[in-house]
Amino acid sequence: MEAILGFLKSIFWIGVLLVLFLVWRYNGLRRLSEAVKEAWSNIGVTIHKQASLTNQLIDAVKSYADTEKFVMLSVHQDNTLIEAQRIHQQSSQVLTAVNALAQRFPDLKQNTQYLSLMAGIKEVENKLESQREKYNAAARTYNVLRTSVPDLFYAQFFGFKVAPYLDFDGASEQDFQSLKTLVSDDGERLNQLLSSAGDTMRRISQQVGAAALDHSRQIASTAQEKVRELQQSQQEKAATGWHLLGVGGSLAGKTFPLREDGQVLGSADSAEIVVKDTGVAERHLWIGRENDRWLLRDLDTRQGTFLDQDPDSSISEIELAHDLTLHLGRGDGARFRIVAG
């Protein structure tokens, strides 16, 4: 039974450690995926700023574009890879056309608004390149951890997909789908896992509890049996036929069965038969069976133990006899009679 109980406890704690390990690794992947999302969000803000400046540039040069027709860049709210690629490519096309227009109209190059917008767009493009590098670095760190042991065994289950690397000129629809999946919320999978693990832990806990309860009942039953055996043994030892009868002092009239394993008479509370009369030592007298003989032995007391038959001589040890009367100490204090049968 103890082996089964130990096995169930081991399974329980292994399960707890496994859940804690998975939560720890999940948090690591989640933290890196959030870094990828944050880097991509920054790119989205910059892309929209690029589109806004490009549209302002189109307004500034449209009076020079007698033959060139510029189309305003449309900006949507969805922050996707395809949207960023579209805006970046259209902005590049507009800049190419405006630069060609500036070659035809030298005074356009001196236009303050034109120069300011071109400088702003250049700054945004540099910032966009820096953000792209940061995004790709975050994606690389995330992908390395995701494909490392042991994360590669459960990353897919948690919903952690491969993060695509950002290249405005080479992004594909497949890249877009991967990024869209990456930024989706995968907490539901963890909730399902923890819920399943919790159910398993509860079942194991119930089994461990039931086994422990059954084991405790067995222990209690065994203890009760041992107590009954001890009580029976004590009763058997007490049923010797010898008794000690108080005939004087505080215990006068009281009878004490004598046990084979021996009893101590004395004034101490730890004595088997407590005698609080004057002249009684803390551990005064021992009565019991030894080598098939029933003996009465004074425990080297200063007060001494005396017999009615010889009240002047303290005894050290004597064999029990029926109707033997003894005094604990001198005087008329504690007196006892040995009764057989």
Protein backbone atom coordinates (compact mmCIF):
# COMPACT_ATOMS: atom_id res chain seq x y z
CA MET A 1 0.00 0.00 0.00
CA GLU A 2 2.83 2.39 0.90
CA ALA A 3 4.48 1.69 -2.47
CA ILE A 4 1.27 2.60 -4.36
CA LEU A 5 0.86 5.74 -2.25
CA GLY A 6 4.46 6.75 -2.95
CA PHE A 7 3.99 6.11 -6.68
CA LEU A 8 0.85 8.28 -6.82
CA LYS A 9 2.61 11.07 -4.93
CA SER A 10 5.53 10.89 -7.37
CA ILE A 11 3.15 11.16 -10.35
CA PHE A 12 1.42 14.13 -8.70
CA TRP A 13 4.64 16.09 -8.10
CA ILE A 14 6.01 15.22 -11.55
CA GLY A 15 2.79 16.62 -13.03
CA VAL A 16 3.09 19.81 -10.95
CA LEU A 17 6.71 20.31 -12.04
CA LEU A 18 5.80 19.64 -15.68
CA VAL A 19 3.03 22.26 -15.62
CA LEU A 20 5.34 24.80 -13.98
CA PHE A 21 8.01 24.08 -16.60
CA LEU A 22 5.55 24.51 -19.47
CA VAL A 23 4.25 27.78 -18.00
CA TRP A 24 7.84 29.05 -17.68
CA ARG A 25 8.70 28.14 -21.28
CA TYR A 26 5.37 29.51 -22.53
CA ASN A 27 6.09 32.85 -20.86
CA GLY A 28 9.50 32.96 -22.58
CA LEU A 29 8.00 32.39 -26.03
CA ARG A 30 5.18 34.78 -25.29
CA ARG A 31 7.62 37.52 -24.24
CA LEU A 32 9.61 37.18 -27.47
CA SER A 33 6.48 37.08 -29.62
CA GLU A 34 5.32 40.30 -27.95
CA ALA A 35 8.67 41.88 -28.86
CA VAL A 36 8.03 40.90 -32.51
CA LYS A 37 4.53 42.39 -32.34
CA GLU A 38 5.83 45.62 -30.81
CA ALA A 39 8.51 45.98 -33.48
CA TRP A 40 5.91 45.41 -36.20
CA SER A 41 3.54 47.93 -34.62
CA ASN A 42 6.27 50.61 -34.74
CA ILE A 43 6.76 49.89 -38.45
CA GLY A 44 3.02 50.32 -39.03
CA VAL A 45 3.07 53.79 -37.43
CA THR A 46 6.05 54.86 -39.52
CA ILE A 47 4.51 53.49 -42.74
CA HIS A 48 1.37 55.57 -42.16
CA LYS A 49 3.52 58.65 -41.55
CA GLN A 50 5.34 57.95 -44.81
CA ALA A 51 2.01 57.81 -46.65
CA SER A 52 0.88 61.10 -45.07
CA LEU A 53 4.07 62.94 -46.06
CA THR A 54 3.92 61.49 -49.56
CA ASN A 55 0.35 62.74 -50.01
CA GLN A 56 1.42 66.20 -48.79
CA LEU A 57 4.25 66.14 -51.36
CA ILE A 58 1.77 65.29 -54.12
CA ASP A 59 -0.32 68.33 -53.12
CA ALA A 60 2.80 70.53 -53.15
CA VAL A 61 3.92 69.56 -56.69
CA LYS A 62 0.60 69.02 -58.46
CA SER A 63 0.74 72.53 -59.99
CA TYR A 64 3.96 71.47 -61.77
CA ALA A 65 2.54 68.17 -62.96
CA ASP A 66 0.84 69.24 -66.17
CA THR A 67 1.29 65.90 -67.81
CA GLU A 68 2.08 63.72 -64.77
CA LYS A 69 -0.97 62.51 -62.90
CA PHE A 70 -0.27 61.57 -59.26
CA VAL A 71 -2.63 59.36 -57.32
CA MET A 72 -3.00 59.95 -53.62
CA LEU A 73 -1.94 57.04 -51.42
CA SER A 74 -4.88 55.41 -49.67
CA VAL A 75 -4.27 54.42 -46.05
CA HIS A 76 -6.24 51.64 -44.40
CA GLN A 77 -6.48 50.94 -40.69
CA ASP A 78 -5.38 47.30 -40.92
CA ASN A 79 -1.72 47.06 -39.97
CA THR A 80 -0.69 44.18 -42.23
CA LEU A 81 2.44 43.25 -44.13
CA ILE A 82 0.67 43.56 -47.50
CA GLU A 83 -0.57 47.07 -46.59
CA ALA A 84 2.92 48.17 -45.53
CA GLN A 85 4.42 46.75 -48.73
CA ARG A 86 1.82 48.53 -50.88
CA ILE A 87 2.32 51.93 -49.23
CA HIS A 88 6.11 51.65 -49.33
CA GLN A 89 6.16 50.72 -53.03
CA GLN A 90 3.65 53.43 -54.03
CA SER A 91 5.59 56.03 -52.02
CA SER A 92 8.81 55.03 -53.80
CA GLN A 93 7.09 55.38 -57.19
CA VAL A 94 5.82 58.86 -56.27
CA LEU A 95 9.29 59.96 -55.12
CA THR A 96 10.83 58.74 -58.37
CA ALA A 97 8.27 60.69 -60.40
CA VAL A 98 8.68 63.85 -58.26
CA ASN A 99 12.47 63.72 -58.58
CA ALA A 100 12.07 63.55 -62.36
CA LEU A 101 9.65 66.48 -62.19
CA ALA A 102 12.16 68.51 -60.16
CA GLN A 103 14.74 68.02 -62.90
CA ARG A 104 12.37 69.68 -65.36
CA PHE A 105 11.44 72.55 -63.04
CA PRO A 106 14.54 73.95 -61.26
CA ASP A 107 12.45 76.40 -59.24
CA LEU A 108 10.71 73.40 -57.65
CA LYS A 109 14.03 72.44 -56.09
CA GLN A 110 14.06 75.83 -54.38
CA ASN A 111 10.54 75.47 -53.01
CA THR A 112 10.67 75.49 -49.20
CA GLN A 113 7.70 73.15 -48.74
CA TYR A 114 9.15 70.75 -51.30
CA LEU A 115 12.53 70.68 -49.55
CA SER A 116 10.91 70.22 -46.12
CA LEU A 117 8.71 67.35 -47.28
CA MET A 118 11.56 65.63 -49.11
CA ALA A 119 13.73 65.86 -45.97
CA GLY A 120 10.87 64.48 -43.86
CA ILE A 121 10.30 61.58 -46.23
CA LYS A 122 14.02 60.82 -46.27
CA GLU A 123 14.07 60.80 -42.47
CA VAL A 124 11.04 58.47 -42.37
CA GLU A 125 12.69 56.10 -44.86
CA ASN A 126 15.84 55.92 -42.71
CA LYS A 127 13.73 55.34 -39.61
CA LEU A 128 11.76 52.67 -41.44
CA GLU A 129 14.96 50.84 -42.39
CA SER A 130 16.18 50.97 -38.78
CA GLN A 131 12.85 49.62 -37.56
CA ARG A 132 12.93 46.87 -40.17
CA GLU A 133 16.34 45.75 -38.86
CA LYS A 134 15.06 45.77 -35.27
CA TYR A 135 12.00 43.78 -36.31
CA ASN A 136 14.10 41.18 -38.13
CA ALA A 137 16.40 40.89 -35.07
CA ALA A 138 13.39 40.30 -32.79
CA ALA A 139 11.95 37.76 -35.24
CA ARG A 140 15.32 35.97 -35.42
CA THR A 141 15.58 35.68 -31.61
CA TYR A 142 12.01 34.40 -31.40
CA ASN A 143 12.44 31.88 -34.23
CA VAL A 144 15.68 30.50 -32.76
CA LEU A 145 14.02 29.82 -29.40
CA ARG A 146 10.90 28.43 -31.06
CA THR A 147 12.92 25.86 -33.05
CA SER A 148 15.20 24.90 -30.16
CA VAL A 149 14.79 21.83 -27.94
CA PRO A 150 12.53 21.47 -26.00
CA ASP A 151 10.38 24.37 -27.27
CA LEU A 152 9.96 22.93 -30.77
CA PHE A 153 7.94 20.02 -29.29
CA TYR A 154 5.13 22.20 -27.90
CA ALA A 155 5.47 25.63 -29.60
CA GLN A 156 3.11 24.55 -32.39
CA PHE A 157 0.54 23.34 -29.86
CA PHE A 158 0.60 26.71 -28.10
CA GLY A 159 0.02 28.45 -31.44
CA PHE A 160 3.48 29.98 -31.83
CA LYS A 161 4.14 30.14 -35.59
CA VAL A 162 7.32 31.08 -37.42
CA ALA A 163 7.78 34.87 -37.61
CA PRO A 164 8.53 36.01 -41.22
CA TYR A 165 11.47 38.29 -41.91
CA LEU A 166 10.53 41.69 -43.32
CA ASP A 167 11.63 42.61 -46.85
CA PHE A 168 9.40 45.21 -48.54
CA ASP A 169 10.48 44.15 -52.00
CA GLY A 170 10.14 40.41 -51.50
CA ALA A 171 7.25 39.83 -49.10
CA SER A 172 4.75 37.21 -50.18
CA GLU A 173 1.18 36.38 -49.32
CA GLN A 174 2.48 33.37 -47.39
CA ASP A 175 4.63 35.72 -45.27
CA PHE A 176 1.56 37.82 -44.58
CA GLN A 177 -0.43 34.82 -43.40
CA SER A 178 2.41 33.72 -41.07
CA LEU A 179 2.64 37.18 -39.51
CA LYS A 180 -1.12 37.36 -39.14
CA THR A 181 -1.11 34.05 -37.28
CA LEU A 182 1.84 35.10 -35.12
CA VAL A 183 0.09 38.15 -33.76
CA SER A 184 -3.10 36.24 -32.95
CA ASP A 185 -3.94 35.54 -29.31
CA ASP A 186 -2.80 32.06 -28.30
CA GLY A 187 -3.77 32.29 -24.61
CA GLU A 188 -6.78 30.04 -25.18
CA ARG A 189 -4.47 27.10 -25.87
CA LEU A 190 -2.66 27.66 -22.59
CA ASN A 191 -5.98 27.89 -20.79
CA GLN A 192 -7.00 24.57 -22.32
CA LEU A 193 -3.71 23.00 -21.31
CA LEU A 194 -3.86 24.30 -17.75
CA SER A 195 -7.49 23.26 -17.47
CA SER A 196 -6.63 19.76 -18.66
CA ALA A 197 -3.63 19.65 -16.33
CA GLY A 198 -5.79 20.89 -13.46
CA ASP A 199 -8.33 18.12 -14.08
CA THR A 200 -5.51 15.57 -14.14
CA MET A 201 -4.01 16.96 -10.93
CA ARG A 202 -7.42 16.87 -9.24
CA ARG A 203 -7.90 13.24 -10.23
CA ILE A 204 -4.44 12.34 -8.97
CA SER A 205 -5.03 14.33 -5.77
CA GLN A 206 -8.28 12.48 -5.19
CA GLN A 207 -6.53 9.16 -5.75
CA VAL A 208 -3.68 10.16 -3.43
CA GLY A 209 -6.19 11.38 -0.84
CA ALA A 210 -8.22 8.19 -1.05
CA ALA A 211 -5.09 6.06 -0.79
CA ALA A 212 -3.83 8.14 2.14
CA LEU A 213 -7.19 7.85 3.89
CA ASP A 214 -7.23 4.10 3.38
CA HIS A 215 -3.64 3.89 4.61
CA SER A 216 -4.51 6.00 7.67
CA ARG A 217 -7.45 3.76 8.45
CA GLN A 218 -5.18 0.73 8.26
CA ILE A 219 -2.68 2.41 10.58
CA ALA A 220 -5.47 3.35 13.00
CA SER A 221 -6.85 -0.18 12.92
CA THR A 222 -3.38 -1.62 13.56
CA ALA A 223 -2.83 0.84 16.42
CA GLN A 224 -6.15 -0.08 17.98
CA GLU A 225 -5.24 -3.74 17.74
CA LYS A 226 -1.88 -3.04 19.40
CA VAL A 227 -3.63 -1.13 22.19
CA ARG A 228 -6.03 -4.02 22.76
CA GLU A 229 -3.11 -6.45 22.85
CA LEU A 230 -1.23 -4.22 25.31
CA GLN A 231 -4.29 -3.87 27.53
CA GLN A 232 -4.82 -7.61 27.43
CA SER A 233 -1.16 -8.16 28.27
CA GLN A 234 -1.36 -5.75 31.18
CA GLN A 235 -4.52 -7.43 32.41
CA GLU A 236 -2.82 -10.79 32.19
CA LYS A 237 0.17 -9.46 34.09
CA ALA A 238 -2.12 -7.91 36.69
CA ALA A 239 -4.07 -11.13 37.13
CA THR A 240 -1.33 -12.73 39.24
CA GLY A 241 -3.37 -13.34 42.38
CA TRP A 242 -1.19 -11.02 44.49
CA HIS A 243 -2.61 -7.77 45.85
CA LEU A 244 -1.38 -4.92 47.98
CA LEU A 245 -3.91 -3.73 50.56
CA GLY A 246 -3.55 -0.37 52.27
CA VAL A 247 -4.08 -0.75 56.00
CA GLY A 248 -2.73 2.58 57.22
CA GLY A 249 -2.06 6.10 55.99
CA SER A 250 -3.62 7.92 53.03
CA LEU A 251 -4.22 4.69 51.04
CA ALA A 252 -5.92 2.74 53.82
CA GLY A 253 -8.70 0.55 52.46
CA LYS A 254 -7.45 0.64 48.86
CA THR A 255 -6.36 -2.49 46.99
CA PHE A 256 -3.76 -2.61 44.20
CA PRO A 257 -3.25 -5.67 41.93
CA LEU A 258 0.43 -6.51 41.64
CA ARG A 259 2.00 -6.96 38.20
CA GLU A 260 4.73 -9.39 37.25
CA ASP A 261 6.76 -6.68 35.50
CA GLY A 262 6.96 -4.77 38.76
CA GLN A 263 5.60 -1.60 40.36
CA VAL A 264 7.25 1.20 42.30
CA LEU A 265 5.70 2.68 45.43
CA GLY A 266 6.75 6.22 46.31
CA SER A 267 5.77 9.84 46.81
CA ALA A 268 6.78 10.88 43.27
CA ASP A 269 3.99 11.35 40.75
CA SER A 270 5.87 9.06 38.35
CA ALA A 271 5.53 6.08 40.73
CA GLU A 272 3.04 3.36 39.73
CA ILE A 273 1.50 3.49 43.23
CA VAL A 274 1.71 7.04 44.61
CA VAL A 275 1.99 7.26 48.42
CA LYS A 276 1.92 10.81 49.78
CA ASP A 277 2.37 9.98 53.46
CA THR A 278 5.15 11.44 55.62
CA GLY A 279 8.33 9.41 55.66
CA VAL A 280 7.86 7.93 52.17
CA ALA A 281 10.71 8.44 49.67
CA GLU A 282 10.04 9.49 46.07
CA ARG A 283 10.98 5.96 44.90
CA HIS A 284 10.66 3.91 48.03
CA LEU A 285 9.79 0.29 47.23
CA TRP A 286 9.67 -2.09 44.28
CA ILE A 287 7.36 -5.14 44.15
CA GLY A 288 7.42 -7.59 41.24
CA ARG A 289 8.38 -10.97 39.84
CA GLU A 290 12.00 -11.77 39.14
CA ASN A 291 13.48 -15.18 38.22
CA ASP A 292 10.13 -16.85 39.04
CA ARG A 293 10.13 -15.33 42.53
CA TRP A 294 7.88 -12.57 43.83
CA LEU A 295 10.07 -10.04 45.63
CA LEU A 296 9.73 -6.91 47.68
CA ARG A 297 12.82 -4.64 47.52
CA ASP A 298 13.64 -1.38 49.29
CA LEU A 299 15.21 1.06 46.85
CA ASP A 300 18.05 2.06 49.19
CA THR A 301 15.95 4.65 50.97
CA ARG A 302 17.10 6.63 53.98
CA GLN A 303 13.67 6.16 55.61
CA GLY A 304 13.76 2.35 55.27
CA THR A 305 11.09 -0.37 54.92
CA PHE A 306 10.01 -2.34 57.99
CA LEU A 307 7.90 -5.44 58.73
CA ASP A 308 5.45 -5.92 61.57
CA GLN A 309 7.39 -9.02 62.58
CA ASP A 310 10.64 -7.02 62.93
CA PRO A 311 9.86 -3.33 63.38
CA ASP A 312 13.41 -2.41 64.38
CA SER A 313 15.32 -3.70 61.30
CA SER A 314 14.89 -2.19 57.80
CA ILE A 315 14.76 -4.81 55.04
CA SER A 316 16.57 -4.60 51.72
CA GLU A 317 14.82 -7.46 49.88
CA ILE A 318 12.38 -10.18 50.88
CA GLU A 319 10.21 -12.76 49.14
CA LEU A 320 6.47 -12.07 49.21
CA ALA A 321 4.32 -14.02 51.62
CA HIS A 322 0.60 -13.93 52.34
CA ASP A 323 -0.46 -11.59 55.14
CA LEU A 324 2.95 -9.90 55.22
CA THR A 325 2.54 -6.37 56.65
CA LEU A 326 5.08 -3.65 55.92
CA HIS A 327 5.73 -0.04 56.86
CA LEU A 328 7.18 2.60 54.54
CA GLY A 329 9.37 4.54 56.95
CA ARG A 330 9.04 4.57 60.74
CA GLY A 331 5.89 5.47 62.59
CA ASP A 332 2.25 4.75 61.91
CA GLY A 333 2.12 6.29 58.43
CA ALA A 334 1.93 4.23 55.26
CA ARG A 335 1.21 0.57 55.99
CA PHE A 336 0.38 -2.19 53.51
CA ARG A 337 -0.47 -5.89 53.68
CA ILE A 338 0.38 -8.51 51.04
CA VAL A 339 -2.67 -10.60 50.09
CA ALA A 340 -2.43 -13.77 47.97
CA GLY A 341 -5.31 -15.06 45.89
